[in-house]
Amino acid sequence: MHAVMMTSLPSLVYWESATLELMHAVKSWRKSGIPVAFTIDAGPNVHVICEEQALASVKSKLEKIEGVEELLIAHPGKSAQLA
């Protein structure tokens, strides 16, 4: 979706400088061995996904990035159940 918006006329780029900074940071953290990845929703919001043992480290790193306005922590839900 982002590529379509960027190449349409007129183009629209949802990403902000903090969006790109966070994407680069997560790639760097992953390269250093931290089990972390990201995905982006329809706007400039980056969703960072990590393993439980990396949560404290990733949270600390995210809090240091200027432009990160809010951290919401979510954990996996229960497994699927038959009703």
N, C-alpha and C. Protein backbone atom coordinates (compact mmCIF):
# COMPACT_ATOMS: atom_id res chain seq x y z
N MET A 1 0.81 -1.18 0.00
CA MET A 1 0.00 0.00 0.00
C MET A 1 0.87 1.26 0.00
N HIS A 2 1.94 1.25 0.80
CA HIS A 2 2.79 2.43 0.85
C HIS A 2 3.40 2.72 -0.52
N ALA A 3 3.84 1.69 -1.23
CA ALA A 3 4.44 1.90 -2.56
C ALA A 3 3.42 2.48 -3.52
N VAL A 4 2.18 2.04 -3.46
CA VAL A 4 1.14 2.57 -4.34
C VAL A 4 0.91 4.04 -4.04
N MET A 5 0.83 4.39 -2.77
CA MET A 5 0.61 5.79 -2.40
C MET A 5 1.79 6.67 -2.82
N MET A 6 3.00 6.16 -2.71
CA MET A 6 4.19 6.93 -3.08
C MET A 6 4.28 7.17 -4.58
N THR A 7 3.74 6.25 -5.38
CA THR A 7 3.86 6.36 -6.83
C THR A 7 2.61 6.90 -7.50
N SER A 8 1.58 7.22 -6.72
CA SER A 8 0.37 7.78 -7.31
C SER A 8 0.58 9.27 -7.58
N LEU A 9 -0.31 9.85 -8.35
CA LEU A 9 -0.24 11.29 -8.64
C LEU A 9 -1.50 11.96 -8.14
N PRO A 10 -1.44 12.87 -7.20
CA PRO A 10 -0.22 13.27 -6.48
C PRO A 10 0.19 12.18 -5.49
N SER A 11 1.47 12.11 -5.22
CA SER A 11 1.96 11.09 -4.31
C SER A 11 1.67 11.48 -2.86
N LEU A 12 1.64 10.47 -2.03
CA LEU A 12 1.40 10.68 -0.62
C LEU A 12 2.34 9.78 0.16
N VAL A 13 3.12 10.37 1.04
CA VAL A 13 4.05 9.61 1.86
C VAL A 13 3.62 9.79 3.31
N TYR A 14 3.21 8.68 3.92
CA TYR A 14 2.77 8.71 5.31
C TYR A 14 3.94 8.73 6.29
N TRP A 15 5.06 8.19 5.87
CA TRP A 15 6.19 8.04 6.78
C TRP A 15 6.74 9.39 7.19
N GLU A 16 7.23 9.43 8.41
CA GLU A 16 7.88 10.61 8.95
C GLU A 16 9.34 10.26 9.20
N SER A 17 10.15 11.23 9.56
CA SER A 17 11.57 10.94 9.79
C SER A 17 11.74 9.90 10.90
N ALA A 18 10.90 9.96 11.94
CA ALA A 18 10.99 8.98 13.02
C ALA A 18 10.64 7.58 12.53
N THR A 19 9.74 7.49 11.55
CA THR A 19 9.37 6.19 10.98
C THR A 19 10.60 5.54 10.37
N LEU A 20 11.32 6.27 9.55
CA LEU A 20 12.51 5.74 8.90
C LEU A 20 13.61 5.45 9.91
N GLU A 21 13.79 6.32 10.89
CA GLU A 21 14.82 6.11 11.90
C GLU A 21 14.55 4.82 12.67
N LEU A 22 13.29 4.59 13.01
CA LEU A 22 12.93 3.39 13.75
C LEU A 22 13.14 2.14 12.90
N MET A 23 12.80 2.20 11.62
CA MET A 23 13.00 1.06 10.73
C MET A 23 14.49 0.70 10.65
N HIS A 24 15.33 1.70 10.49
CA HIS A 24 16.78 1.46 10.42
C HIS A 24 17.31 0.93 11.76
N ALA A 25 16.80 1.47 12.87
CA ALA A 25 17.25 1.03 14.18
C ALA A 25 16.91 -0.44 14.40
N VAL A 26 15.68 -0.84 14.07
CA VAL A 26 15.28 -2.24 14.28
C VAL A 26 16.14 -3.17 13.43
N LYS A 27 16.43 -2.78 12.20
CA LYS A 27 17.31 -3.60 11.35
C LYS A 27 18.69 -3.75 12.00
N SER A 28 19.20 -2.68 12.57
CA SER A 28 20.51 -2.71 13.22
C SER A 28 20.47 -3.60 14.46
N TRP A 29 19.42 -3.49 15.26
CA TRP A 29 19.30 -4.31 16.47
C TRP A 29 19.24 -5.78 16.09
N ARG A 30 18.49 -6.09 15.03
CA ARG A 30 18.37 -7.49 14.59
C ARG A 30 19.73 -8.02 14.13
N LYS A 31 20.46 -7.17 13.41
CA LYS A 31 21.79 -7.57 12.93
C LYS A 31 22.74 -7.84 14.09
N SER A 32 22.51 -7.16 15.22
CA SER A 32 23.37 -7.36 16.39
C SER A 32 22.94 -8.56 17.23
N GLY A 33 21.87 -9.24 16.81
CA GLY A 33 21.47 -10.46 17.50
C GLY A 33 20.19 -10.36 18.33
N ILE A 34 19.59 -9.20 18.39
CA ILE A 34 18.34 -9.06 19.14
C ILE A 34 17.20 -9.61 18.27
N PRO A 35 16.37 -10.52 18.81
CA PRO A 35 15.28 -11.09 18.03
C PRO A 35 14.11 -10.10 17.90
N VAL A 36 14.20 -9.23 16.91
CA VAL A 36 13.23 -8.16 16.73
C VAL A 36 12.97 -7.92 15.25
N ALA A 37 11.76 -7.49 14.93
CA ALA A 37 11.39 -7.17 13.55
C ALA A 37 10.34 -6.06 13.60
N PHE A 38 9.98 -5.54 12.43
CA PHE A 38 8.95 -4.49 12.40
C PHE A 38 8.02 -4.71 11.22
N THR A 39 6.85 -4.10 11.33
CA THR A 39 5.90 -4.00 10.23
C THR A 39 5.27 -2.62 10.37
N ILE A 40 4.63 -2.16 9.31
CA ILE A 40 4.06 -0.81 9.33
C ILE A 40 2.59 -0.91 8.94
N ASP A 41 1.74 -0.16 9.66
CA ASP A 41 0.33 -0.17 9.31
C ASP A 41 0.05 0.87 8.22
N ALA A 42 -1.16 1.28 8.07
CA ALA A 42 -1.54 2.17 6.98
C ALA A 42 -0.98 3.58 7.10
N GLY A 43 -0.51 3.96 8.25
CA GLY A 43 0.04 5.30 8.44
C GLY A 43 1.52 5.25 8.75
N PRO A 44 2.00 6.18 9.58
CA PRO A 44 3.42 6.22 9.92
C PRO A 44 3.78 5.32 11.10
N ASN A 45 2.82 4.55 11.58
CA ASN A 45 3.02 3.76 12.78
C ASN A 45 3.81 2.49 12.51
N VAL A 46 4.86 2.31 13.29
CA VAL A 46 5.70 1.12 13.16
C VAL A 46 5.33 0.16 14.29
N HIS A 47 5.08 -1.08 13.95
CA HIS A 47 4.80 -2.12 14.94
C HIS A 47 6.06 -2.95 15.08
N VAL A 48 6.64 -2.94 16.27
CA VAL A 48 7.87 -3.67 16.54
C VAL A 48 7.50 -4.97 17.25
N ILE A 49 8.02 -6.06 16.72
CA ILE A 49 7.71 -7.38 17.25
C ILE A 49 9.01 -8.01 17.76
N CYS A 50 8.97 -8.50 19.00
CA CYS A 50 10.17 -9.14 19.55
C CYS A 50 9.79 -10.32 20.43
N GLU A 51 10.78 -11.12 20.71
CA GLU A 51 10.58 -12.23 21.63
C GLU A 51 10.55 -11.69 23.06
N GLU A 52 9.86 -12.41 23.93
CA GLU A 52 9.68 -11.97 25.32
C GLU A 52 10.99 -11.62 26.01
N GLN A 53 12.03 -12.43 25.78
CA GLN A 53 13.30 -12.17 26.48
C GLN A 53 13.98 -10.88 26.01
N ALA A 54 13.57 -10.35 24.88
CA ALA A 54 14.16 -9.11 24.36
C ALA A 54 13.32 -7.88 24.67
N LEU A 55 12.16 -8.07 25.29
CA LEU A 55 11.22 -6.97 25.49
C LEU A 55 11.82 -5.79 26.25
N ALA A 56 12.46 -6.03 27.37
CA ALA A 56 13.01 -4.93 28.18
C ALA A 56 14.05 -4.14 27.38
N SER A 57 14.91 -4.84 26.68
CA SER A 57 15.96 -4.18 25.89
C SER A 57 15.35 -3.37 24.74
N VAL A 58 14.42 -3.97 24.03
CA VAL A 58 13.79 -3.28 22.89
C VAL A 58 13.00 -2.07 23.38
N LYS A 59 12.26 -2.23 24.46
CA LYS A 59 11.48 -1.12 25.02
C LYS A 59 12.41 0.04 25.39
N SER A 60 13.51 -0.26 26.04
CA SER A 60 14.47 0.77 26.44
C SER A 60 15.02 1.50 25.22
N LYS A 61 15.35 0.76 24.18
CA LYS A 61 15.88 1.36 22.95
C LYS A 61 14.83 2.23 22.25
N LEU A 62 13.59 1.75 22.22
CA LEU A 62 12.52 2.52 21.58
C LEU A 62 12.27 3.84 22.30
N GLU A 63 12.34 3.81 23.61
CA GLU A 63 12.10 5.02 24.40
C GLU A 63 13.14 6.11 24.14
N LYS A 64 14.28 5.74 23.61
CA LYS A 64 15.35 6.70 23.34
C LYS A 64 15.26 7.34 21.96
N ILE A 65 14.35 6.85 21.11
CA ILE A 65 14.23 7.38 19.76
C ILE A 65 13.28 8.57 19.77
N GLU A 66 13.81 9.73 19.36
CA GLU A 66 12.99 10.93 19.31
C GLU A 66 11.89 10.73 18.27
N GLY A 67 10.69 11.08 18.62
CA GLY A 67 9.57 10.92 17.70
C GLY A 67 8.68 9.74 18.07
N VAL A 68 9.19 8.84 18.89
CA VAL A 68 8.35 7.75 19.38
C VAL A 68 7.45 8.36 20.45
N GLU A 69 6.17 8.42 20.16
CA GLU A 69 5.23 9.10 21.05
C GLU A 69 4.58 8.19 22.08
N GLU A 70 4.39 6.94 21.72
CA GLU A 70 3.68 6.05 22.63
C GLU A 70 4.11 4.60 22.37
N LEU A 71 4.28 3.85 23.43
CA LEU A 71 4.58 2.43 23.32
C LEU A 71 3.40 1.66 23.87
N LEU A 72 2.88 0.76 23.08
CA LEU A 72 1.81 -0.12 23.52
C LEU A 72 2.37 -1.54 23.49
N ILE A 73 2.31 -2.22 24.60
CA ILE A 73 2.85 -3.57 24.70
C ILE A 73 1.70 -4.56 24.59
N ALA A 74 1.80 -5.48 23.66
CA ALA A 74 0.79 -6.52 23.49
C ALA A 74 1.49 -7.87 23.54
N HIS A 75 0.81 -8.84 24.07
CA HIS A 75 1.34 -10.20 24.17
C HIS A 75 0.43 -11.12 23.36
N PRO A 76 0.94 -12.26 22.94
CA PRO A 76 0.09 -13.20 22.19
C PRO A 76 -1.13 -13.61 23.02
N GLY A 77 -2.24 -13.80 22.34
CA GLY A 77 -3.46 -14.25 23.01
C GLY A 77 -3.45 -15.76 23.21
N LYS A 78 -4.54 -16.25 23.70
CA LYS A 78 -4.68 -17.69 23.90
C LYS A 78 -4.81 -18.37 22.56
N SER A 79 -4.60 -19.66 22.56
CA SER A 79 -4.73 -20.44 21.33
C SER A 79 -6.19 -20.50 20.89
N ALA A 80 -6.40 -20.88 19.65
CA ALA A 80 -7.75 -21.00 19.11
C ALA A 80 -8.52 -22.07 19.88
N GLN A 81 -9.78 -21.83 20.09
CA GLN A 81 -10.65 -22.75 20.83
C GLN A 81 -11.88 -23.06 19.99
N LEU A 82 -12.35 -24.28 20.05
CA LEU A 82 -13.62 -24.64 19.42
C LEU A 82 -14.73 -24.35 20.41
N ALA A 83 -15.75 -23.69 19.94
CA ALA A 83 -16.87 -23.33 20.83
C ALA A 83 -17.83 -24.48 21.00
